[in-house]
Amino acid sequence: MVTETDLRLGDGRTLHVYDTGGRDRLPVFWHHGTPNIGAPPAPLFAAADRLGLRWVSHDRPGYGGSTPLPGRDIASAAADVAAVADALGLDRFAVMGHSGGGPHALACGALRPDRVVAVVVGAGLAPYGAAGLDWFAGMVPAGVASLRAAAAGRAAKEAHEASGVAYDPEFTPADLAALHGEWSWFDSVVGPAMRAGPGGLIDDDLAYVHPWGFDPADVAPPVLFVHGERDGVAPVAHAEWVAGRVPTAELRRYPEDGHISVLRHAGPALEWLRRRADEAPAR
């Protein structure tokens, strides 16, 4: 069962929070993709139950029930997660992000190393302008157009979204099979994310292509990167670049998987997360 509450922050904003509960379970903060609301991943509930994990998450600012925060950077996610953890009385926790949630999960590992015990990143992006990385290489044309507009600034990004241009992620056959199977769950988080308009999506895309507010090299907890080699939304070179700079990183590449189908490996990733959390030194 998922409990939903609204958390009032010190700056007057509201975060809409989700929690599957379980005081004796290891909390895992889920960081959602773009455009999604923050409901935790129902297809992974059975694996989480088996491993003794508790899902906690929130709608990022501008999505669902969370107050917009124009100009937010990726690093801001760490402060919001800490506020949720404080409200729930959670000292240490793990984090997991898919797609656009990946950089936000990394932010927690970099900026809250005293509290984060392990990080999983699935199909995530690298920082825009990363040295030695051809950032747009291998990305589907719709993604290139959308993120180039964001790189040109808020006005250009807003104009791009207002133009009615269609975004085609060009999902692979494996992705489509996943979306017609257990990961049809995405239908329940994408529609609500866009119900109030593209504001959350715009703020996300601006954050991806502007300074993140932290250096991936500063991520101290162990990190597992899980990435499909056929991903055209976030090409695998992004994961290679970030994993090469995170001192504690392990990268698992899957040759037959795309942006969504890589989630069929999320169960083993959670097993890795549980092991790393159990190995974390006590404070």
C-alpha atoms as a PDB file:
ATOM      1  CA  MET A   1       0.000   0.000   0.000  1.00  0.00           C
ATOM      2  CA  VAL A   2       1.293   3.467  -0.912  1.00  0.00           C
ATOM      3  CA  THR A   3       0.585   6.362   1.438  1.00  0.00           C
ATOM      4  CA  GLU A   4       0.543   9.851  -0.106  1.00  0.00           C
ATOM      5  CA  THR A   5       1.088  13.021   1.920  1.00  0.00           C
ATOM      6  CA  ASP A   6       1.954  16.668   1.302  1.00  0.00           C
ATOM      7  CA  LEU A   7       5.095  17.958   3.015  1.00  0.00           C
ATOM      8  CA  ARG A   8       5.406  21.691   3.615  1.00  0.00           C
ATOM      9  CA  LEU A   9       9.006  22.874   3.307  1.00  0.00           C
ATOM     10  CA  GLY A  10      10.680  25.755   5.107  1.00  0.00           C
ATOM     11  CA  ASP A  11      10.703  27.870   1.939  1.00  0.00           C
ATOM     12  CA  GLY A  12       6.915  27.560   1.633  1.00  0.00           C
ATOM     13  CA  ARG A  13       6.928  24.946  -1.115  1.00  0.00           C
ATOM     14  CA  THR A  14       5.015  21.674  -0.978  1.00  0.00           C
ATOM     15  CA  LEU A  15       6.378  18.268  -1.948  1.00  0.00           C
ATOM     16  CA  HIS A  16       3.897  15.483  -2.678  1.00  0.00           C
ATOM     17  CA  VAL A  17       5.384  12.395  -1.025  1.00  0.00           C
ATOM     18  CA  TYR A  18       4.807   8.659  -1.528  1.00  0.00           C
ATOM     19  CA  ASP A  19       5.754   5.961   0.982  1.00  0.00           C
ATOM     20  CA  THR A  20       5.156   2.200   0.997  1.00  0.00           C
ATOM     21  CA  GLY A  21       6.016   2.074   4.706  1.00  0.00           C
ATOM     22  CA  GLY A  22       7.753  -0.504   6.851  1.00  0.00           C
ATOM     23  CA  ARG A  23       9.808   0.751   9.793  1.00  0.00           C
ATOM     24  CA  ASP A  24      12.223  -2.205   9.665  1.00  0.00           C
ATOM     25  CA  ARG A  25      12.872  -1.957   5.932  1.00  0.00           C
ATOM     26  CA  LEU A  26      15.709  -0.208   4.099  1.00  0.00           C
ATOM     27  CA  PRO A  27      14.322   3.026   2.580  1.00  0.00           C
ATOM     28  CA  VAL A  28      14.999   3.455  -1.141  1.00  0.00           C
ATOM     29  CA  PHE A  29      14.234   6.863  -2.613  1.00  0.00           C
ATOM     30  CA  TRP A  30      12.913   6.546  -6.173  1.00  0.00           C
ATOM     31  CA  HIS A  31      13.776   9.376  -8.595  1.00  0.00           C
ATOM     32  CA  HIS A  32      11.387   9.471 -11.527  1.00  0.00           C
ATOM     33  CA  GLY A  33      12.025  10.246 -15.182  1.00  0.00           C
ATOM     34  CA  THR A  34      10.768  12.995 -17.483  1.00  0.00           C
ATOM     35  CA  PRO A  35       7.834  13.531 -17.669  1.00  0.00           C
ATOM     36  CA  ASN A  36       6.570  11.374 -14.786  1.00  0.00           C
ATOM     37  CA  ILE A  37       5.047  11.922 -11.391  1.00  0.00           C
ATOM     38  CA  GLY A  38       6.881  10.390  -8.474  1.00  0.00           C
ATOM     39  CA  ALA A  39       4.775   7.335  -7.631  1.00  0.00           C
ATOM     40  CA  PRO A  40       7.171   4.477  -6.788  1.00  0.00           C
ATOM     41  CA  PRO A  41       7.631   1.703  -9.390  1.00  0.00           C
ATOM     42  CA  ALA A  42       4.844  -0.826  -8.860  1.00  0.00           C
ATOM     43  CA  PRO A  43       6.506  -3.450 -11.117  1.00  0.00           C
ATOM     44  CA  LEU A  44       9.333  -3.613  -8.553  1.00  0.00           C
ATOM     45  CA  PHE A  45       7.154  -3.957  -5.471  1.00  0.00           C
ATOM     46  CA  ALA A  46       7.469  -7.758  -5.313  1.00  0.00           C
ATOM     47  CA  ALA A  47      11.276  -7.601  -5.528  1.00  0.00           C
ATOM     48  CA  ALA A  48      11.335  -4.882  -2.880  1.00  0.00           C
ATOM     49  CA  ASP A  49       9.174  -6.989  -0.555  1.00  0.00           C
ATOM     50  CA  ARG A  50      11.494  -9.959  -0.996  1.00  0.00           C
ATOM     51  CA  LEU A  51      14.550  -7.842  -0.224  1.00  0.00           C
ATOM     52  CA  GLY A  52      13.045  -5.877   2.666  1.00  0.00           C
ATOM     53  CA  LEU A  53      12.999  -2.515   0.912  1.00  0.00           C
ATOM     54  CA  ARG A  54      10.710   0.456   1.503  1.00  0.00           C
ATOM     55  CA  TRP A  55       9.957   2.798  -1.391  1.00  0.00           C
ATOM     56  CA  VAL A  56       9.896   6.524  -0.679  1.00  0.00           C
ATOM     57  CA  SER A  57       9.554   9.146  -3.405  1.00  0.00           C
ATOM     58  CA  HIS A  58       8.096  12.525  -4.319  1.00  0.00           C
ATOM     59  CA  ASP A  59       6.875  14.458  -7.330  1.00  0.00           C
ATOM     60  CA  ARG A  60       9.749  16.663  -8.466  1.00  0.00           C
ATOM     61  CA  PRO A  61       8.915  20.381  -8.291  1.00  0.00           C
ATOM     62  CA  GLY A  62       6.410  21.315 -10.981  1.00  0.00           C
ATOM     63  CA  TYR A  63       4.940  17.823 -11.278  1.00  0.00           C
ATOM     64  CA  GLY A  64       1.779  16.459  -9.683  1.00  0.00           C
ATOM     65  CA  GLY A  65       1.254  17.880  -6.225  1.00  0.00           C
ATOM     66  CA  SER A  66       4.665  19.527  -5.822  1.00  0.00           C
ATOM     67  CA  THR A  67       5.149  23.277  -6.090  1.00  0.00           C
ATOM     68  CA  PRO A  68       7.148  24.452  -9.128  1.00  0.00           C
ATOM     69  CA  LEU A  69      10.683  25.681  -8.538  1.00  0.00           C
ATOM     70  CA  PRO A  70      11.765  27.505 -11.709  1.00  0.00           C
ATOM     71  CA  GLY A  71      15.511  27.556 -12.174  1.00  0.00           C
ATOM     72  CA  ARG A  72      16.083  24.460 -10.055  1.00  0.00           C
ATOM     73  CA  ASP A  73      19.234  22.500 -10.747  1.00  0.00           C
ATOM     74  CA  ILE A  74      19.903  18.783 -10.390  1.00  0.00           C
ATOM     75  CA  ALA A  75      21.616  19.334  -7.034  1.00  0.00           C
ATOM     76  CA  SER A  76      18.398  20.686  -5.500  1.00  0.00           C
ATOM     77  CA  ALA A  77      17.038  17.137  -5.401  1.00  0.00           C
ATOM     78  CA  ALA A  78      19.425  16.292  -2.572  1.00  0.00           C
ATOM     79  CA  ALA A  79      17.966  18.951  -0.274  1.00  0.00           C
ATOM     80  CA  ASP A  80      14.400  17.880  -1.092  1.00  0.00           C
ATOM     81  CA  VAL A  81      15.199  14.229  -0.377  1.00  0.00           C
ATOM     82  CA  ALA A  82      16.852  15.182   2.912  1.00  0.00           C
ATOM     83  CA  ALA A  83      13.732  17.132   3.892  1.00  0.00           C
ATOM     84  CA  VAL A  84      11.499  14.135   3.147  1.00  0.00           C
ATOM     85  CA  ALA A  85      13.840  11.820   5.045  1.00  0.00           C
ATOM     86  CA  ASP A  86      13.855  14.151   8.054  1.00  0.00           C
ATOM     87  CA  ALA A  87      10.056  14.330   8.047  1.00  0.00           C
ATOM     88  CA  LEU A  88       9.805  10.533   7.974  1.00  0.00           C
ATOM     89  CA  GLY A  89      12.534  10.030  10.571  1.00  0.00           C
ATOM     90  CA  LEU A  90      14.862   8.238   8.151  1.00  0.00           C
ATOM     91  CA  ASP A  91      18.567   8.486   8.908  1.00  0.00           C
ATOM     92  CA  ARG A  92      20.244   6.478   6.128  1.00  0.00           C
ATOM     93  CA  PHE A  93      18.788   5.327   2.828  1.00  0.00           C
ATOM     94  CA  ALA A  94      19.555   4.229  -0.718  1.00  0.00           C
ATOM     95  CA  VAL A  95      18.537   5.998  -3.926  1.00  0.00           C
ATOM     96  CA  MET A  96      17.516   4.747  -7.366  1.00  0.00           C
ATOM     97  CA  GLY A  97      16.735   6.760 -10.492  1.00  0.00           C
ATOM     98  CA  HIS A  98      15.627   5.897 -14.015  1.00  0.00           C
ATOM     99  CA  SER A  99      16.213   8.114 -17.053  1.00  0.00           C
ATOM    100  CA  GLY A 100      16.014  11.755 -15.920  1.00  0.00           C
ATOM    101  CA  GLY A 101      15.891  10.479 -12.351  1.00  0.00           C
ATOM    102  CA  GLY A 102      19.425   9.159 -12.689  1.00  0.00           C
ATOM    103  CA  PRO A 103      21.258  12.486 -12.337  1.00  0.00           C
ATOM    104  CA  HIS A 104      18.995  13.396  -9.404  1.00  0.00           C
ATOM    105  CA  ALA A 105      19.918  10.140  -7.656  1.00  0.00           C
ATOM    106  CA  LEU A 106      23.599  10.891  -8.250  1.00  0.00           C
ATOM    107  CA  ALA A 107      23.117  14.321  -6.669  1.00  0.00           C
ATOM    108  CA  CYS A 108      22.045  12.629  -3.448  1.00  0.00           C
ATOM    109  CA  GLY A 109      25.142  10.429  -3.497  1.00  0.00           C
ATOM    110  CA  ALA A 110      27.410  13.434  -4.051  1.00  0.00           C
ATOM    111  CA  LEU A 111      25.797  15.875  -1.626  1.00  0.00           C
ATOM    112  CA  ARG A 112      24.473  13.560   1.128  1.00  0.00           C
ATOM    113  CA  PRO A 113      27.211  10.919   1.407  1.00  0.00           C
ATOM    114  CA  ASP A 114      26.657  10.735   5.160  1.00  0.00           C
ATOM    115  CA  ARG A 115      23.129   9.426   4.589  1.00  0.00           C
ATOM    116  CA  VAL A 116      23.147   7.626   1.222  1.00  0.00           C
ATOM    117  CA  VAL A 117      24.403   4.037   1.407  1.00  0.00           C
ATOM    118  CA  ALA A 118      24.112   3.044  -2.281  1.00  0.00           C
ATOM    119  CA  VAL A 119      22.943   4.425  -5.631  1.00  0.00           C
ATOM    120  CA  VAL A 120      21.416   2.765  -8.706  1.00  0.00           C
ATOM    121  CA  VAL A 121      21.185   4.706 -11.991  1.00  0.00           C
ATOM    122  CA  GLY A 122      19.274   3.252 -14.922  1.00  0.00           C
ATOM    123  CA  ALA A 123      19.444   4.807 -18.410  1.00  0.00           C
ATOM    124  CA  GLY A 124      20.687   8.164 -17.130  1.00  0.00           C
ATOM    125  CA  LEU A 125      22.301  11.172 -18.793  1.00  0.00           C
ATOM    126  CA  ALA A 126      25.763  12.696 -18.413  1.00  0.00           C
ATOM    127  CA  PRO A 127      26.321  16.403 -17.698  1.00  0.00           C
ATOM    128  CA  TYR A 128      25.812  18.620 -20.730  1.00  0.00           C
ATOM    129  CA  GLY A 129      29.111  19.702 -22.206  1.00  0.00           C
ATOM    130  CA  ALA A 130      30.981  16.825 -20.572  1.00  0.00           C
ATOM    131  CA  ALA A 131      34.599  16.954 -21.752  1.00  0.00           C
ATOM    132  CA  GLY A 132      35.354  14.351 -24.398  1.00  0.00           C
ATOM    133  CA  LEU A 133      31.716  13.257 -24.821  1.00  0.00           C
ATOM    134  CA  ASP A 134      29.741  13.922 -28.006  1.00  0.00           C
ATOM    135  CA  TRP A 135      26.627  14.550 -25.963  1.00  0.00           C
ATOM    136  CA  PHE A 136      24.044  14.247 -28.755  1.00  0.00           C
ATOM    137  CA  ALA A 137      25.674  11.330 -30.604  1.00  0.00           C
ATOM    138  CA  GLY A 138      23.293   8.379 -30.838  1.00  0.00           C
ATOM    139  CA  MET A 139      20.335  10.361 -29.476  1.00  0.00           C
ATOM    140  CA  VAL A 140      17.028  10.226 -31.361  1.00  0.00           C
ATOM    141  CA  PRO A 141      16.280  13.377 -33.403  1.00  0.00           C
ATOM    142  CA  ALA A 142      13.320  14.389 -31.233  1.00  0.00           C
ATOM    143  CA  GLY A 143      15.525  14.283 -28.152  1.00  0.00           C
ATOM    144  CA  VAL A 144      18.217  16.324 -29.848  1.00  0.00           C
ATOM    145  CA  ALA A 145      15.696  18.994 -30.864  1.00  0.00           C
ATOM    146  CA  SER A 146      14.105  19.137 -27.414  1.00  0.00           C
ATOM    147  CA  LEU A 147      17.361  19.397 -25.500  1.00  0.00           C
ATOM    148  CA  ARG A 148      18.981  21.810 -27.945  1.00  0.00           C
ATOM    149  CA  ALA A 149      15.999  24.078 -27.341  1.00  0.00           C
ATOM    150  CA  ALA A 150      16.586  23.784 -23.592  1.00  0.00           C
ATOM    151  CA  ALA A 151      20.256  24.608 -24.058  1.00  0.00           C
ATOM    152  CA  ALA A 152      19.176  27.815 -25.836  1.00  0.00           C
ATOM    153  CA  GLY A 153      17.334  28.947 -22.700  1.00  0.00           C
ATOM    154  CA  ARG A 154      13.891  28.969 -21.106  1.00  0.00           C
ATOM    155  CA  ALA A 155      12.212  31.070 -23.800  1.00  0.00           C
ATOM    156  CA  ALA A 156      13.420  28.764 -26.578  1.00  0.00           C
ATOM    157  CA  LYS A 157      12.394  25.663 -24.630  1.00  0.00           C
ATOM    158  CA  GLU A 158       8.943  27.061 -23.872  1.00  0.00           C
ATOM    159  CA  ALA A 159       8.501  27.961 -27.545  1.00  0.00           C
ATOM    160  CA  HIS A 160       9.545  24.457 -28.550  1.00  0.00           C
ATOM    161  CA  GLU A 161       6.952  22.873 -26.267  1.00  0.00           C
ATOM    162  CA  ALA A 162       4.254  25.354 -27.340  1.00  0.00           C
ATOM    163  CA  SER A 163       4.866  24.581 -31.017  1.00  0.00           C
ATOM    164  CA  GLY A 164       3.048  21.270 -30.726  1.00  0.00           C
ATOM    165  CA  VAL A 165       6.052  19.337 -32.028  1.00  0.00           C
ATOM    166  CA  ALA A 166       5.736  15.614 -31.340  1.00  0.00           C
ATOM    167  CA  TYR A 167       8.353  13.873 -29.245  1.00  0.00           C
ATOM    168  CA  ASP A 168       9.149  10.430 -30.659  1.00  0.00           C
ATOM    169  CA  PRO A 169      11.523   8.443 -28.440  1.00  0.00           C
ATOM    170  CA  GLU A 170      11.827   5.799 -31.171  1.00  0.00           C
ATOM    171  CA  PHE A 171      11.545   3.016 -28.641  1.00  0.00           C
ATOM    172  CA  THR A 172      13.072  -0.301 -29.636  1.00  0.00           C
ATOM    173  CA  PRO A 173      10.942  -3.459 -30.083  1.00  0.00           C
ATOM    174  CA  ALA A 174      12.163  -4.578 -26.650  1.00  0.00           C
ATOM    175  CA  ASP A 175      11.053  -1.247 -25.167  1.00  0.00           C
ATOM    176  CA  LEU A 176       7.613  -1.571 -26.748  1.00  0.00           C
ATOM    177  CA  ALA A 177       7.267  -5.111 -25.435  1.00  0.00           C
ATOM    178  CA  ALA A 178       8.091  -3.872 -21.934  1.00  0.00           C
ATOM    179  CA  LEU A 179       5.580  -1.035 -22.250  1.00  0.00           C
ATOM    180  CA  HIS A 180       2.890  -3.504 -23.285  1.00  0.00           C
ATOM    181  CA  GLY A 181       3.835  -5.760 -20.370  1.00  0.00           C
ATOM    182  CA  GLU A 182       4.512  -4.999 -16.732  1.00  0.00           C
ATOM    183  CA  TRP A 183       6.000  -1.595 -17.531  1.00  0.00           C
ATOM    184  CA  SER A 184       2.642  -0.423 -18.875  1.00  0.00           C
ATOM    185  CA  TRP A 185       2.802   1.098 -15.383  1.00  0.00           C
ATOM    186  CA  PHE A 186       4.319   4.133 -17.102  1.00  0.00           C
ATOM    187  CA  ASP A 187       0.827   4.970 -18.381  1.00  0.00           C
ATOM    188  CA  SER A 188      -0.132   5.773 -14.792  1.00  0.00           C
ATOM    189  CA  VAL A 189       2.718   8.237 -14.213  1.00  0.00           C
ATOM    190  CA  VAL A 190       3.191   9.993 -17.563  1.00  0.00           C
ATOM    191  CA  GLY A 191      -0.373  11.242 -18.117  1.00  0.00           C
ATOM    192  CA  PRO A 192      -0.732  12.821 -14.662  1.00  0.00           C
ATOM    193  CA  ALA A 193       2.679  14.468 -15.057  1.00  0.00           C
ATOM    194  CA  MET A 194       1.460  16.437 -18.078  1.00  0.00           C
ATOM    195  CA  ARG A 195      -2.035  17.176 -16.827  1.00  0.00           C
ATOM    196  CA  ALA A 196      -1.142  20.695 -15.662  1.00  0.00           C
ATOM    197  CA  GLY A 197       1.011  21.416 -18.702  1.00  0.00           C
ATOM    198  CA  PRO A 198       4.700  21.019 -19.577  1.00  0.00           C
ATOM    199  CA  GLY A 199       6.126  23.077 -16.717  1.00  0.00           C
ATOM    200  CA  GLY A 200       7.807  20.179 -14.921  1.00  0.00           C
ATOM    201  CA  LEU A 201       9.225  18.817 -18.161  1.00  0.00           C
ATOM    202  CA  ILE A 202      10.621  22.238 -19.115  1.00  0.00           C
ATOM    203  CA  ASP A 203      12.295  22.674 -15.727  1.00  0.00           C
ATOM    204  CA  ASP A 204      13.744  19.145 -15.955  1.00  0.00           C
ATOM    205  CA  ASP A 205      15.202  19.649 -19.429  1.00  0.00           C
ATOM    206  CA  LEU A 206      16.678  23.020 -18.471  1.00  0.00           C
ATOM    207  CA  ALA A 207      18.330  21.385 -15.476  1.00  0.00           C
ATOM    208  CA  TYR A 208      19.855  18.602 -17.594  1.00  0.00           C
ATOM    209  CA  VAL A 209      21.622  21.005 -19.959  1.00  0.00           C
ATOM    210  CA  HIS A 210      22.807  23.553 -17.398  1.00  0.00           C
ATOM    211  CA  PRO A 211      25.369  23.064 -14.593  1.00  0.00           C
ATOM    212  CA  TRP A 212      24.198  20.282 -12.322  1.00  0.00           C
ATOM    213  CA  GLY A 213      25.509  21.853  -9.112  1.00  0.00           C
ATOM    214  CA  PHE A 214      27.829  18.970  -8.224  1.00  0.00           C
ATOM    215  CA  ASP A 215      30.649  16.924  -9.729  1.00  0.00           C
ATOM    216  CA  PRO A 216      29.966  13.199 -10.345  1.00  0.00           C
ATOM    217  CA  ALA A 217      33.525  12.567  -9.151  1.00  0.00           C
ATOM    218  CA  ASP A 218      32.310  13.578  -5.674  1.00  0.00           C
ATOM    219  CA  VAL A 219      29.848  10.684  -5.413  1.00  0.00           C
ATOM    220  CA  ALA A 220      31.202   8.604  -2.521  1.00  0.00           C
ATOM    221  CA  PRO A 221      28.664   5.763  -1.981  1.00  0.00           C
ATOM    222  CA  PRO A 222      28.822   2.720  -4.288  1.00  0.00           C
ATOM    223  CA  VAL A 223      26.982   3.300  -7.593  1.00  0.00           C
ATOM    224  CA  LEU A 224      25.618   0.785 -10.085  1.00  0.00           C
ATOM    225  CA  PHE A 225      24.907   2.028 -13.610  1.00  0.00           C
ATOM    226  CA  VAL A 226      22.499  -0.098 -15.653  1.00  0.00           C
ATOM    227  CA  HIS A 227      22.206   0.825 -19.331  1.00  0.00           C
ATOM    228  CA  GLY A 228      20.906  -0.611 -22.592  1.00  0.00           C
ATOM    229  CA  GLU A 229      23.205  -0.325 -25.590  1.00  0.00           C
ATOM    230  CA  ARG A 230      20.239   0.347 -27.909  1.00  0.00           C
ATOM    231  CA  ASP A 231      19.048   3.337 -25.890  1.00  0.00           C
ATOM    232  CA  GLY A 232      18.409   6.343 -28.140  1.00  0.00           C
ATOM    233  CA  VAL A 233      16.940   8.555 -25.427  1.00  0.00           C
ATOM    234  CA  ALA A 234      20.071   8.495 -23.254  1.00  0.00           C
ATOM    235  CA  PRO A 235      22.850   6.848 -25.292  1.00  0.00           C
ATOM    236  CA  VAL A 236      25.072   4.365 -23.482  1.00  0.00           C
ATOM    237  CA  ALA A 237      28.084   6.653 -23.957  1.00  0.00           C
ATOM    238  CA  HIS A 238      26.550   8.869 -21.265  1.00  0.00           C
ATOM    239  CA  ALA A 239      26.702   6.051 -18.721  1.00  0.00           C
ATOM    240  CA  GLU A 240      30.243   5.210 -19.785  1.00  0.00           C
ATOM    241  CA  TRP A 241      31.339   8.813 -19.265  1.00  0.00           C
ATOM    242  CA  VAL A 242      29.769   9.191 -15.815  1.00  0.00           C
ATOM    243  CA  ALA A 243      30.829   5.736 -14.612  1.00  0.00           C
ATOM    244  CA  GLY A 244      34.377   6.583 -15.653  1.00  0.00           C
ATOM    245  CA  ARG A 245      34.364   9.534 -13.258  1.00  0.00           C
ATOM    246  CA  VAL A 246      32.556   8.098 -10.245  1.00  0.00           C
ATOM    247  CA  PRO A 247      35.233   6.398  -8.124  1.00  0.00           C
ATOM    248  CA  THR A 248      32.888   3.735  -6.770  1.00  0.00           C
ATOM    249  CA  ALA A 249      31.074   2.935 -10.033  1.00  0.00           C
ATOM    250  CA  GLU A 250      30.130  -0.378 -11.579  1.00  0.00           C
ATOM    251  CA  LEU A 251      28.590  -0.351 -15.087  1.00  0.00           C
ATOM    252  CA  ARG A 252      26.368  -3.122 -16.430  1.00  0.00           C
ATOM    253  CA  ARG A 253      25.710  -2.806 -20.177  1.00  0.00           C
ATOM    254  CA  TYR A 254      22.955  -4.786 -21.878  1.00  0.00           C
ATOM    255  CA  PRO A 255      23.423  -5.141 -25.671  1.00  0.00           C
ATOM    256  CA  GLU A 256      19.808  -5.972 -26.502  1.00  0.00           C
ATOM    257  CA  ASP A 257      18.081  -3.387 -24.342  1.00  0.00           C
ATOM    258  CA  GLY A 258      16.785   0.134 -24.877  1.00  0.00           C
ATOM    259  CA  HIS A 259      15.572   2.902 -22.594  1.00  0.00           C
ATOM    260  CA  ILE A 260      12.627   1.024 -21.048  1.00  0.00           C
ATOM    261  CA  SER A 261      13.505  -2.643 -21.491  1.00  0.00           C
ATOM    262  CA  VAL A 262      16.662  -2.146 -19.422  1.00  0.00           C
ATOM    263  CA  LEU A 263      14.313  -2.091 -16.438  1.00  0.00           C
ATOM    264  CA  ARG A 264      13.931  -5.845 -16.734  1.00  0.00           C
ATOM    265  CA  HIS A 265      17.341  -5.866 -15.007  1.00  0.00           C
ATOM    266  CA  ALA A 266      16.083  -3.701 -12.150  1.00  0.00           C
ATOM    267  CA  GLY A 267      15.473  -6.729  -9.903  1.00  0.00           C
ATOM    268  CA  PRO A 268      19.147  -7.757  -9.912  1.00  0.00           C
ATOM    269  CA  ALA A 269      20.067  -4.083  -9.457  1.00  0.00           C
ATOM    270  CA  LEU A 270      17.953  -3.987  -6.300  1.00  0.00           C
ATOM    271  CA  GLU A 271      19.725  -7.117  -5.062  1.00  0.00           C
ATOM    272  CA  TRP A 272      23.040  -5.312  -5.618  1.00  0.00           C
ATOM    273  CA  LEU A 273      21.692  -2.275  -3.758  1.00  0.00           C
ATOM    274  CA  ARG A 274      20.602  -4.412  -0.799  1.00  0.00           C
ATOM    275  CA  ARG A 275      24.037  -6.052  -0.579  1.00  0.00           C
ATOM    276  CA  ARG A 276      25.886  -2.750  -0.746  1.00  0.00           C
ATOM    277  CA  ALA A 277      23.618  -1.226   1.881  1.00  0.00           C
ATOM    278  CA  ASP A 278      24.219  -4.185   4.189  1.00  0.00           C
ATOM    279  CA  GLU A 279      27.978  -3.772   3.688  1.00  0.00           C
ATOM    280  CA  ALA A 280      27.946  -0.041   4.442  1.00  0.00           C
ATOM    281  CA  PRO A 281      29.894   0.802   7.618  1.00  0.00           C
ATOM    282  CA  ALA A 282      27.797   1.773  10.591  1.00  0.00           C
ATOM    283  CA  ARG A 283      27.964   5.415  11.633  1.00  0.00           C
END
